[in-house]
N, C-alpha and C. Protein backbone atom coordinates (compact mmCIF):
# COMPACT_ATOMS: atom_id res chain seq x y z
N MET A 1 122.60 -8.25 -62.80
CA MET A 1 122.94 -6.90 -61.98
C MET A 1 122.99 -6.49 -60.67
N ILE A 2 122.04 -7.36 -60.20
CA ILE A 2 122.30 -7.29 -58.82
C ILE A 2 123.53 -8.26 -58.01
N GLN A 3 123.73 -9.37 -58.99
CA GLN A 3 124.82 -9.74 -58.30
C GLN A 3 125.82 -9.48 -58.74
N THR A 4 126.07 -8.76 -59.87
CA THR A 4 127.20 -7.73 -60.20
C THR A 4 127.85 -7.03 -59.09
N GLY A 5 126.74 -6.14 -58.42
CA GLY A 5 127.05 -5.07 -57.19
C GLY A 5 127.27 -5.94 -56.43
N VAL A 6 126.55 -6.82 -55.90
CA VAL A 6 126.84 -8.04 -54.49
C VAL A 6 128.08 -8.30 -54.35
N VAL A 7 128.74 -8.58 -55.69
CA VAL A 7 129.87 -9.10 -55.86
C VAL A 7 131.28 -8.30 -55.72
N SER A 8 130.71 -6.97 -56.36
CA SER A 8 131.73 -5.96 -55.70
C SER A 8 131.87 -5.39 -54.50
N ILE A 9 130.61 -5.15 -54.05
CA ILE A 9 130.75 -4.99 -52.66
C ILE A 9 131.42 -6.15 -51.68
N MET A 10 131.03 -7.24 -52.26
CA MET A 10 132.03 -8.65 -51.09
C MET A 10 133.16 -8.16 -51.86
N SER A 11 133.80 -7.71 -52.90
CA SER A 11 135.30 -8.02 -52.87
C SER A 11 135.79 -7.04 -52.48
N GLY A 12 135.13 -5.57 -52.53
CA GLY A 12 135.36 -4.32 -51.70
C GLY A 12 135.90 -4.80 -50.30
N ILE A 13 135.03 -5.62 -49.46
CA ILE A 13 134.59 -5.80 -48.06
C ILE A 13 135.98 -6.65 -47.79
N ARG A 14 136.03 -7.62 -48.98
CA ARG A 14 137.45 -8.66 -48.59
C ARG A 14 138.49 -7.92 -48.35
N ASN A 15 138.72 -6.88 -49.17
CA ASN A 15 139.99 -6.35 -49.11
C ASN A 15 140.26 -5.23 -47.78
N GLN A 16 139.13 -5.39 -47.28
CA GLN A 16 139.17 -4.24 -45.85
C GLN A 16 139.50 -5.50 -44.77
N ASP A 17 140.21 -5.35 -43.91
CA ASP A 17 140.55 -6.30 -43.18
C ASP A 17 139.60 -6.23 -41.57
N ASN A 18 139.09 -5.19 -41.48
CA ASN A 18 137.78 -5.11 -40.40
C ASN A 18 136.81 -5.59 -40.32
N PHE A 19 136.52 -5.93 -42.09
CA PHE A 19 135.18 -6.48 -42.74
C PHE A 19 134.92 -8.15 -42.79
N TYR A 20 136.60 -8.49 -43.01
CA TYR A 20 136.71 -10.01 -43.41
C TYR A 20 137.71 -10.42 -42.95
N ASN A 21 137.46 -11.93 -42.50
CA ASN A 21 138.42 -12.48 -42.06
C ASN A 21 138.24 -13.95 -42.47
N GLN A 22 139.32 -14.38 -43.39
CA GLN A 22 138.97 -15.52 -43.98
C GLN A 22 138.98 -16.89 -42.87
N ASP A 23 139.43 -16.50 -42.28
CA ASP A 23 139.80 -17.95 -40.68
C ASP A 23 138.13 -17.95 -40.24
N LYS A 24 137.03 -16.84 -40.34
CA LYS A 24 135.88 -16.86 -39.85
C LYS A 24 134.67 -17.75 -40.67
N ASN A 25 133.43 -17.74 -39.83
CA ASN A 25 132.48 -18.52 -40.65
C ASN A 25 131.67 -17.92 -41.88
N ASN A 26 131.02 -18.19 -42.57
CA ASN A 26 130.19 -17.43 -43.29
C ASN A 26 129.40 -16.70 -43.04
N SER A 27 128.63 -17.21 -41.80
CA SER A 27 127.50 -16.21 -40.82
C SER A 27 128.23 -15.08 -40.49
N ILE A 28 129.32 -14.83 -39.93
CA ILE A 28 129.97 -13.73 -39.61
C ILE A 28 130.15 -13.11 -40.99
N PHE A 29 130.40 -13.35 -41.91
CA PHE A 29 130.72 -12.57 -43.10
C PHE A 29 129.41 -11.77 -43.88
N HIS A 30 128.17 -12.62 -43.72
CA HIS A 30 127.07 -12.10 -44.01
C HIS A 30 126.62 -11.17 -43.30
N PHE A 31 127.10 -11.44 -42.04
CA PHE A 31 126.64 -10.38 -40.83
C PHE A 31 127.36 -8.91 -41.27
N ASN A 32 128.75 -8.93 -41.48
CA ASN A 32 129.14 -8.12 -42.09
C ASN A 32 129.12 -7.16 -42.92
N ILE A 33 128.49 -7.83 -43.86
CA ILE A 33 127.98 -7.29 -45.28
C ILE A 33 126.59 -6.32 -44.69
N PHE A 34 125.99 -6.93 -44.24
CA PHE A 34 124.58 -6.21 -43.51
C PHE A 34 125.17 -4.78 -42.88
N VAL A 35 126.01 -4.97 -42.05
CA VAL A 35 126.65 -3.92 -41.45
C VAL A 35 127.31 -2.74 -41.90
N TYR A 36 127.94 -3.34 -43.14
CA TYR A 36 128.55 -2.44 -43.86
C TYR A 36 127.77 -1.57 -45.07
N LEU A 37 126.44 -2.32 -45.56
CA LEU A 37 125.67 -1.84 -46.03
C LEU A 37 124.56 -0.78 -45.17
N TRP A 38 124.57 -1.41 -44.25
CA TRP A 38 123.38 -0.36 -43.19
C TRP A 38 124.50 1.11 -43.10
N GLN A 39 125.14 0.77 -42.43
CA GLN A 39 126.20 1.78 -42.03
C GLN A 39 126.65 3.02 -43.44
N SER A 40 126.47 2.33 -44.28
CA SER A 40 126.99 2.92 -46.08
C SER A 40 125.76 4.02 -46.20
N HIS A 41 124.36 3.38 -45.63
CA HIS A 41 123.11 4.02 -46.08
C HIS A 41 122.72 3.42 -47.68
N LYS A 42 123.23 2.45 -47.94
CA LYS A 42 122.84 1.59 -49.15
C LYS A 42 121.72 0.88 -49.10
N TYR A 43 121.61 0.16 -47.98
CA TYR A 43 120.34 -0.77 -47.36
C TYR A 43 119.23 -0.05 -47.12
N GLU A 44 118.38 -0.61 -47.93
CA GLU A 44 116.74 0.28 -47.73
C GLU A 44 116.03 -0.39 -47.17
N ILE A 45 115.52 0.22 -46.56
CA ILE A 45 114.08 -0.41 -45.53
C ILE A 45 113.06 -0.99 -46.66
N MET A 46 112.66 -1.87 -46.55
CA MET A 46 111.34 -2.40 -47.28
C MET A 46 110.34 -1.94 -47.75
N GLN A 47 110.32 -0.82 -46.87
CA GLN A 47 108.97 -0.37 -46.77
C GLN A 47 108.77 0.71 -48.62
N GLY A 48 107.35 0.40 -49.12
CA GLY A 48 107.29 1.28 -50.69
C GLY A 48 106.76 2.72 -50.29
N LYS A 49 107.64 3.09 -51.20
CA LYS A 49 107.19 4.73 -51.34
C LYS A 49 107.18 4.83 -53.06
N LYS A 50 105.88 5.22 -52.98
CA LYS A 50 105.45 5.92 -54.26
C LYS A 50 105.88 7.51 -54.92
N HIS A 51 106.76 7.14 -55.95
CA HIS A 51 107.78 8.41 -56.40
C HIS A 51 106.97 8.77 -57.62
N TYR A 52 106.47 9.75 -57.79
CA TYR A 52 105.66 9.99 -59.41
C TYR A 52 106.67 11.12 -60.02
N GLU A 53 106.95 10.46 -61.15
CA GLU A 53 107.52 11.14 -62.32
C GLU A 53 106.81 11.09 -63.48
N GLU A 54 106.46 12.15 -64.21
CA GLU A 54 105.55 12.64 -65.03
C GLU A 54 106.17 12.11 -66.51
N LYS A 55 105.43 11.15 -67.27
CA LYS A 55 106.11 10.45 -68.45
C LYS A 55 105.41 11.37 -69.69
N LEU A 56 106.04 11.42 -70.49
CA LEU A 56 106.03 12.29 -71.59
C LEU A 56 105.38 11.56 -72.41
N PHE A 57 105.24 10.35 -72.62
CA PHE A 57 104.85 9.66 -73.36
C PHE A 57 104.13 8.43 -72.50
N THR A 58 102.87 8.63 -72.69
CA THR A 58 101.86 7.14 -71.76
C THR A 58 101.25 6.45 -72.76
N GLN A 59 100.93 5.27 -72.69
CA GLN A 59 99.58 4.53 -73.38
C GLN A 59 98.82 3.86 -72.22
N VAL A 60 97.58 5.03 -72.08
CA VAL A 60 96.41 4.68 -71.50
C VAL A 60 95.23 4.65 -72.65
N HIS A 61 94.28 3.09 -72.24
CA HIS A 61 93.27 2.72 -72.81
C HIS A 61 92.26 3.23 -71.73
N LEU A 62 91.50 4.56 -72.09
CA LEU A 62 90.48 5.10 -71.27
C LEU A 62 89.26 4.34 -71.07
N SER A 63 88.95 3.27 -71.86
CA SER A 63 87.83 1.91 -71.50
C SER A 63 88.33 1.30 -70.52
N ARG A 64 89.68 1.16 -70.27
CA ARG A 64 89.96 -0.13 -69.40
C ARG A 64 89.84 1.03 -67.56
N ARG A 65 89.65 2.00 -67.70
CA ARG A 65 89.91 2.61 -66.95
C ARG A 65 88.34 2.91 -66.28
N ILE A 66 87.79 3.13 -66.84
CA ILE A 66 85.93 3.15 -66.64
C ILE A 66 85.34 2.41 -65.93
N PRO A 67 84.71 1.86 -65.00
CA PRO A 67 84.07 1.03 -64.41
C PRO A 67 82.81 0.57 -65.23
N LYS A 68 82.32 -0.71 -65.43
CA LYS A 68 81.87 -1.23 -66.58
C LYS A 68 80.01 -0.37 -66.36
N ASP A 69 80.06 -0.48 -65.05
CA ASP A 69 78.51 -0.11 -64.64
C ASP A 69 78.34 1.73 -64.38
N ASN A 70 79.10 2.50 -64.94
CA ASN A 70 79.60 4.04 -65.11
C ASN A 70 78.17 4.52 -66.06
N PHE A 71 77.63 5.23 -65.80
CA PHE A 71 76.10 6.02 -66.37
C PHE A 71 76.85 6.41 -68.03
N TYR A 72 77.84 7.04 -67.64
CA TYR A 72 78.46 7.89 -69.33
C TYR A 72 79.17 6.74 -69.86
N ARG A 73 79.51 5.35 -69.48
CA ARG A 73 79.98 4.30 -70.31
C ARG A 73 78.83 3.62 -70.81
N LYS A 74 78.09 3.85 -70.14
CA LYS A 74 76.68 3.10 -70.53
C LYS A 74 75.95 3.77 -71.78
N LEU A 75 75.94 5.04 -71.36
CA LEU A 75 75.44 5.96 -72.81
C LEU A 75 76.43 6.00 -73.87
N LYS A 76 77.38 5.74 -73.86
CA LYS A 76 78.54 5.76 -74.61
C LYS A 76 78.03 4.58 -76.01
N ARG A 77 77.82 3.01 -74.92
CA ARG A 77 77.94 1.96 -75.66
C ARG A 77 76.63 2.02 -76.05
N GLY A 78 75.45 2.59 -75.79
CA GLY A 78 74.13 2.03 -76.00
C GLY A 78 73.16 3.37 -76.88
N LEU A 79 73.81 4.44 -76.84
CA LEU A 79 73.09 6.21 -77.08
C LEU A 79 73.72 6.29 -78.63
N ASN A 80 73.03 6.16 -79.61
CA ASN A 80 73.16 6.24 -80.80
C ASN A 80 72.68 7.74 -81.49
N LEU A 81 73.67 8.60 -81.45
CA LEU A 81 73.29 9.88 -81.66
C LEU A 81 73.54 10.45 -83.46
N LYS A 82 73.59 9.47 -83.97
CA LYS A 82 74.20 9.90 -85.66
C LYS A 82 72.90 10.72 -85.89
N PHE A 83 71.73 10.50 -85.80
CA PHE A 83 70.62 11.73 -86.18
C PHE A 83 70.79 13.04 -86.34
N ILE A 84 71.69 13.48 -85.25
CA ILE A 84 71.92 14.77 -84.80
C ILE A 84 72.64 15.28 -86.25
N TYR A 85 73.36 14.68 -86.88
CA TYR A 85 74.52 14.97 -87.86
C TYR A 85 72.93 15.54 -89.41
N LYS A 86 72.03 14.78 -89.37
CA LYS A 86 71.14 15.12 -90.30
C LYS A 86 70.49 16.42 -90.11
N LEU A 87 69.79 16.55 -89.01
CA LEU A 87 69.30 17.80 -88.05
C LEU A 87 69.81 18.43 -88.27
N THR A 88 71.64 18.66 -88.71
CA THR A 88 71.97 19.90 -88.07
C THR A 88 72.92 20.45 -89.62
N LYS A 89 73.03 19.56 -90.33
CA LYS A 89 74.15 20.03 -91.57
C LYS A 89 73.77 21.14 -91.91
N ASP A 90 72.01 21.48 -92.10
CA ASP A 90 71.58 23.11 -92.94
C ASP A 90 72.08 24.29 -92.20
N TYR A 91 72.86 24.29 -90.65
CA TYR A 91 73.07 25.25 -90.01
C TYR A 91 74.78 25.50 -90.18
N TYR A 92 75.30 24.57 -91.10
CA TYR A 92 76.86 24.61 -91.04
C TYR A 92 77.13 25.26 -92.85
N GLY A 93 78.23 25.71 -93.01
CA GLY A 93 78.60 26.46 -94.31
C GLY A 93 79.66 25.56 -94.85
N LYS A 94 79.78 25.75 -96.02
CA LYS A 94 79.99 24.73 -97.13
C LYS A 94 81.97 24.74 -97.20
N GLY A 95 82.74 26.09 -96.74
CA GLY A 95 83.87 26.25 -96.71
C GLY A 95 84.00 26.88 -95.33
N GLY A 96 85.41 26.83 -95.09
CA GLY A 96 85.91 27.34 -93.64
C GLY A 96 86.77 26.53 -93.05
N LYS A 97 86.85 26.70 -91.70
CA LYS A 97 87.35 26.40 -90.64
C LYS A 97 86.41 25.30 -90.07
N HIS A 98 86.61 23.78 -89.53
CA HIS A 98 85.90 23.10 -88.74
C HIS A 98 85.39 23.38 -87.96
N SER A 99 83.90 23.47 -87.71
CA SER A 99 83.47 23.50 -86.35
C SER A 99 83.53 22.41 -85.22
N LEU A 100 82.68 22.63 -84.01
CA LEU A 100 82.52 21.48 -83.15
C LEU A 100 81.62 20.59 -83.76
N ASP A 101 82.40 18.93 -83.49
CA ASP A 101 81.39 18.14 -83.92
C ASP A 101 79.76 18.56 -83.32
N PRO A 102 78.76 18.59 -83.63
CA PRO A 102 77.22 18.58 -83.48
C PRO A 102 76.96 17.43 -82.57
N VAL A 103 77.47 16.27 -82.42
CA VAL A 103 77.53 15.32 -81.76
C VAL A 103 77.82 15.45 -80.10
N VAL A 104 79.39 15.96 -80.29
CA VAL A 104 79.85 16.33 -79.13
C VAL A 104 79.12 17.71 -78.72
N PHE A 105 78.83 18.30 -79.30
CA PHE A 105 78.04 19.74 -78.67
C PHE A 105 76.92 19.17 -77.61
N PHE A 106 75.92 18.36 -78.57
CA PHE A 106 74.80 18.29 -77.73
C PHE A 106 75.35 16.86 -76.84
N LYS A 107 76.04 16.15 -76.73
CA LYS A 107 76.83 15.52 -75.48
C LYS A 107 76.75 16.30 -74.13
N LEU A 108 77.92 17.57 -74.70
CA LEU A 108 78.14 18.45 -73.61
C LEU A 108 76.94 19.10 -72.89
N CYS A 109 75.88 19.52 -73.83
CA CYS A 109 74.69 19.95 -73.36
C CYS A 109 74.09 19.14 -72.02
N LEU A 110 73.99 17.47 -72.83
CA LEU A 110 73.22 16.50 -71.87
C LEU A 110 73.97 16.39 -70.56
N ILE A 111 75.61 16.43 -70.89
CA ILE A 111 76.21 16.94 -69.39
C ILE A 111 75.71 17.84 -68.54
N LYS A 112 75.79 18.73 -69.13
CA LYS A 112 75.46 20.06 -68.58
C LYS A 112 74.16 20.17 -67.80
N GLN A 113 73.01 19.30 -68.52
CA GLN A 113 71.97 19.32 -67.78
C GLN A 113 71.96 18.17 -66.70
N HIS A 114 72.48 16.71 -66.85
CA HIS A 114 72.43 16.22 -66.12
C HIS A 114 73.27 16.31 -64.62
N GLU A 115 74.21 17.08 -64.75
CA GLU A 115 75.06 17.43 -63.63
C GLU A 115 74.92 18.54 -63.29
N ASN A 116 73.65 19.38 -63.72
CA ASN A 116 73.40 20.75 -63.04
C ASN A 116 74.07 21.78 -63.14
N ILE A 117 74.79 21.82 -64.01
CA ILE A 117 76.10 22.85 -64.30
C ILE A 117 75.25 24.00 -65.23
N THR A 118 75.58 25.43 -64.35
CA THR A 118 75.03 26.26 -64.72
C THR A 118 75.97 27.10 -66.06
N SER A 119 76.74 27.05 -65.88
CA SER A 119 78.07 27.81 -67.18
C SER A 119 78.68 27.15 -67.92
N ASP A 120 78.74 27.53 -69.10
CA ASP A 120 79.94 26.70 -70.25
C ASP A 120 81.00 26.63 -69.31
N LYS A 121 81.90 27.45 -69.13
CA LYS A 121 82.96 27.60 -68.45
C LYS A 121 82.99 26.39 -67.07
N LYS A 122 82.02 26.44 -66.47
CA LYS A 122 82.12 25.71 -65.19
C LYS A 122 82.02 23.78 -66.07
N LEU A 123 81.26 23.88 -66.97
CA LEU A 123 81.02 22.77 -67.75
C LEU A 123 82.48 21.63 -67.98
N MET A 124 82.93 23.07 -68.81
CA MET A 124 84.42 22.50 -69.31
C MET A 124 85.52 22.16 -68.07
N GLU A 125 85.43 23.21 -67.43
CA GLU A 125 86.28 22.62 -66.15
C GLU A 125 85.81 21.28 -65.59
N PHE A 126 84.62 21.35 -65.64
CA PHE A 126 84.26 19.71 -64.82
C PHE A 126 84.45 18.43 -65.89
N CYS A 127 84.36 18.91 -67.25
CA CYS A 127 84.44 17.85 -68.23
C CYS A 127 86.07 17.45 -68.37
N ASN A 128 86.98 18.77 -67.92
CA ASN A 128 88.40 18.12 -68.24
C ASN A 128 88.89 17.12 -67.22
N ILE A 129 88.23 17.39 -65.98
CA ILE A 129 89.08 16.31 -64.77
C ILE A 129 88.35 14.68 -64.70
N ARG A 130 87.10 14.61 -65.79
CA ARG A 130 86.60 13.64 -65.47
C ARG A 130 86.91 12.65 -66.57
N LEU A 131 87.40 11.30 -66.33
CA LEU A 131 88.07 10.29 -67.63
C LEU A 131 86.86 9.75 -68.14
N ASP A 132 85.70 9.75 -67.59
CA ASP A 132 84.41 9.01 -67.64
C ASP A 132 83.91 10.10 -69.08
N ILE A 133 83.99 11.55 -68.59
CA ILE A 133 83.44 12.34 -69.77
C ILE A 133 84.16 12.16 -70.67
N ILE A 134 85.34 12.38 -70.63
CA ILE A 134 86.00 12.49 -71.83
C ILE A 134 86.07 11.22 -72.52
N TYR A 135 85.78 10.22 -71.82
CA TYR A 135 85.67 8.88 -72.76
C TYR A 135 84.38 8.74 -73.74
N PHE A 136 83.29 9.31 -72.68
CA PHE A 136 82.00 9.81 -73.32
C PHE A 136 81.67 10.53 -74.77
N LEU A 137 82.74 11.65 -74.59
CA LEU A 137 82.80 12.33 -75.43
C LEU A 137 83.62 12.33 -77.06
N ASP A 138 84.30 10.92 -76.77
CA ASP A 138 84.78 10.32 -77.57
C ASP A 138 86.62 11.04 -78.12
N TYR A 139 86.99 11.80 -76.92
CA TYR A 139 88.49 12.27 -76.78
C TYR A 139 89.14 11.34 -76.07
N ASN A 140 90.51 11.63 -76.86
CA ASN A 140 91.71 10.89 -75.73
C ASN A 140 92.40 12.00 -74.64
N LEU A 141 93.16 11.32 -73.97
CA LEU A 141 93.61 12.48 -72.89
C LEU A 141 94.40 12.93 -73.46
N ASP A 142 95.25 13.30 -74.72
CA ASP A 142 96.14 14.05 -75.09
C ASP A 142 95.25 15.07 -75.91
N GLU A 143 94.08 15.03 -76.23
CA GLU A 143 93.33 16.01 -76.92
C GLU A 143 92.47 17.11 -76.19
N LYS A 144 92.75 18.09 -76.80
CA LYS A 144 92.49 19.20 -75.83
C LYS A 144 90.69 19.42 -76.24
N LEU A 145 89.95 19.58 -75.01
CA LEU A 145 88.45 19.77 -75.12
C LEU A 145 88.24 20.80 -75.79
N PRO A 146 87.03 21.01 -76.45
CA PRO A 146 86.71 22.44 -76.84
C PRO A 146 86.48 23.61 -75.39
N HIS A 147 86.92 24.86 -76.10
CA HIS A 147 86.92 25.89 -75.19
C HIS A 147 85.67 26.10 -74.86
N TYR A 148 85.37 26.78 -73.82
CA TYR A 148 83.94 27.30 -73.56
C TYR A 148 82.90 28.00 -74.21
N ASN A 149 84.13 29.32 -74.79
CA ASN A 149 83.57 29.91 -75.90
C ASN A 149 83.10 29.44 -77.39
N THR A 150 83.51 27.93 -77.58
CA THR A 150 83.07 27.15 -78.49
C THR A 150 81.90 26.54 -78.50
N ILE A 151 81.59 26.42 -77.49
CA ILE A 151 80.10 25.66 -76.95
C ILE A 151 78.96 26.95 -77.24
N TYR A 152 79.25 28.20 -76.80
CA TYR A 152 78.54 29.44 -76.53
C TYR A 152 78.49 29.38 -78.13
N ARG A 153 79.21 29.71 -78.84
CA ARG A 153 79.54 30.12 -80.19
C ARG A 153 78.44 28.91 -80.80
N THR A 154 78.39 27.72 -80.71
CA THR A 154 77.92 26.66 -81.44
C THR A 154 76.47 26.48 -80.96
N ARG A 155 76.21 26.57 -79.94
CA ARG A 155 74.88 27.29 -79.24
C ARG A 155 74.13 28.31 -80.17
N ARG A 156 74.26 29.23 -80.57
CA ARG A 156 73.86 30.68 -81.15
C ARG A 156 73.49 29.91 -82.79
N HIS A 157 74.38 28.98 -83.21
CA HIS A 157 74.11 28.26 -84.34
C HIS A 157 72.48 28.07 -84.77
N PHE A 158 72.60 27.31 -83.70
CA PHE A 158 70.82 26.49 -83.96
C PHE A 158 69.61 27.29 -83.34
N PRO A 159 68.38 27.05 -83.81
CA PRO A 159 67.45 27.70 -83.51
C PRO A 159 67.06 27.04 -82.04
N ASP A 160 66.33 28.10 -81.10
CA ASP A 160 65.84 27.04 -79.72
C ASP A 160 65.05 26.12 -80.18
N GLU A 161 64.10 26.24 -81.10
CA GLU A 161 63.32 24.93 -81.23
C GLU A 161 64.17 23.64 -81.38
N LEU A 162 65.10 23.52 -82.64
CA LEU A 162 65.79 22.33 -82.56
C LEU A 162 66.66 22.05 -81.65
N HIS A 163 67.05 23.06 -80.66
CA HIS A 163 67.95 22.47 -79.85
C HIS A 163 67.03 21.78 -78.85
N GLN A 164 66.15 22.57 -78.47
CA GLN A 164 65.18 21.28 -77.58
C GLN A 164 64.47 20.60 -78.07
N SER A 165 64.23 20.28 -79.47
CA SER A 165 63.67 18.98 -80.06
C SER A 165 64.89 18.22 -79.72
N ILE A 166 66.04 18.16 -80.05
CA ILE A 166 66.88 17.09 -80.12
C ILE A 166 67.37 16.88 -78.70
N MET A 167 67.40 17.85 -78.14
CA MET A 167 67.52 17.30 -76.34
C MET A 167 66.43 16.25 -76.16
N GLU A 168 65.30 16.61 -76.20
CA GLU A 168 64.03 16.05 -76.26
C GLU A 168 64.30 14.31 -76.42
N LYS A 169 64.44 14.20 -78.04
CA LYS A 169 64.92 13.08 -78.66
C LYS A 169 66.05 12.17 -77.86
N ILE A 170 66.96 12.60 -77.46
CA ILE A 170 68.07 12.43 -76.28
C ILE A 170 67.58 11.73 -75.46
N GLN A 171 66.72 12.52 -74.51
CA GLN A 171 66.48 11.93 -73.28
C GLN A 171 65.09 10.79 -73.79
N GLU A 172 64.45 10.78 -74.42
CA GLU A 172 63.57 9.56 -74.77
C GLU A 172 64.64 8.56 -75.30
N LYS A 173 65.98 8.70 -75.94
CA LYS A 173 66.99 7.37 -75.81
C LYS A 173 66.93 6.94 -74.83
N ILE A 174 67.33 7.81 -74.14
CA ILE A 174 68.17 7.51 -72.38
C ILE A 174 66.81 6.76 -71.73
N GLU A 175 65.86 7.23 -71.81
CA GLU A 175 64.80 6.54 -71.03
C GLU A 175 64.48 5.34 -71.69
N LYS A 176 64.65 5.07 -73.11
CA LYS A 176 64.42 3.45 -73.61
C LYS A 176 65.77 2.85 -73.26
N LEU A 177 66.88 3.30 -73.13
CA LEU A 177 68.16 2.57 -72.97
C LEU A 177 68.10 2.18 -71.64
N ASN A 178 67.35 2.81 -70.93
CA ASN A 178 67.26 3.13 -69.28
C ASN A 178 66.38 1.45 -69.03
N GLU A 179 65.26 1.60 -69.57
CA GLU A 179 63.77 0.46 -69.97
C GLU A 179 64.67 -0.71 -70.13
N ASP A 180 64.93 -0.70 -71.38
CA ASP A 180 65.80 -1.99 -71.81
C ASP A 180 66.86 -2.67 -70.96
N GLN A 181 67.71 -1.91 -70.49
CA GLN A 181 68.84 -2.41 -69.47
C GLN A 181 67.75 -2.86 -68.08
N ALA A 182 66.75 -2.52 -67.53
CA ALA A 182 66.21 -3.03 -66.41
C ALA A 182 65.64 -4.11 -66.72
N VAL A 183 64.85 -4.56 -68.02
CA VAL A 183 64.77 -5.68 -68.56
C VAL A 183 65.75 -6.68 -68.40
N LYS A 184 66.28 -6.51 -68.73
CA LYS A 184 67.84 -7.41 -68.69
C LYS A 184 67.87 -7.75 -67.69
């Protein structure tokens, strides 16, 4: 494609008497091409410029974007929270609309506690801009995170004692995970 463009430019230059004289040598011919391209503003300086154009479809693997030593990546890899399903199943109805996954809810509670965030709205604003947290929550970039009102409503489903005991178990698992990683 580049050769075709150069050939068409060269043939255009050859047809113009002021740019090409067949009696002159090749170096003058190449200099004339350079001058012609420079004057016609088709010659670009080789300085890089980043041009952003948002893509409609993008293939991104969050796991490749999160550093190996990231706190939330380590939690995702080593923290098993499946016990939450068994402890919370009695607080959900048999029919109707699916609710927020209780594991996601308690991960959000953990993030809120760990990051010292005071409101559910600020929590969700924070989570929406952090790739490592989106990865930790098992969401993809194109998935919408829960609305902050959903967090509030989910919290009301569980008694305070249950919420506190689950958070304590999660903290114990994190401490054990830290001890295991310190030994390695």
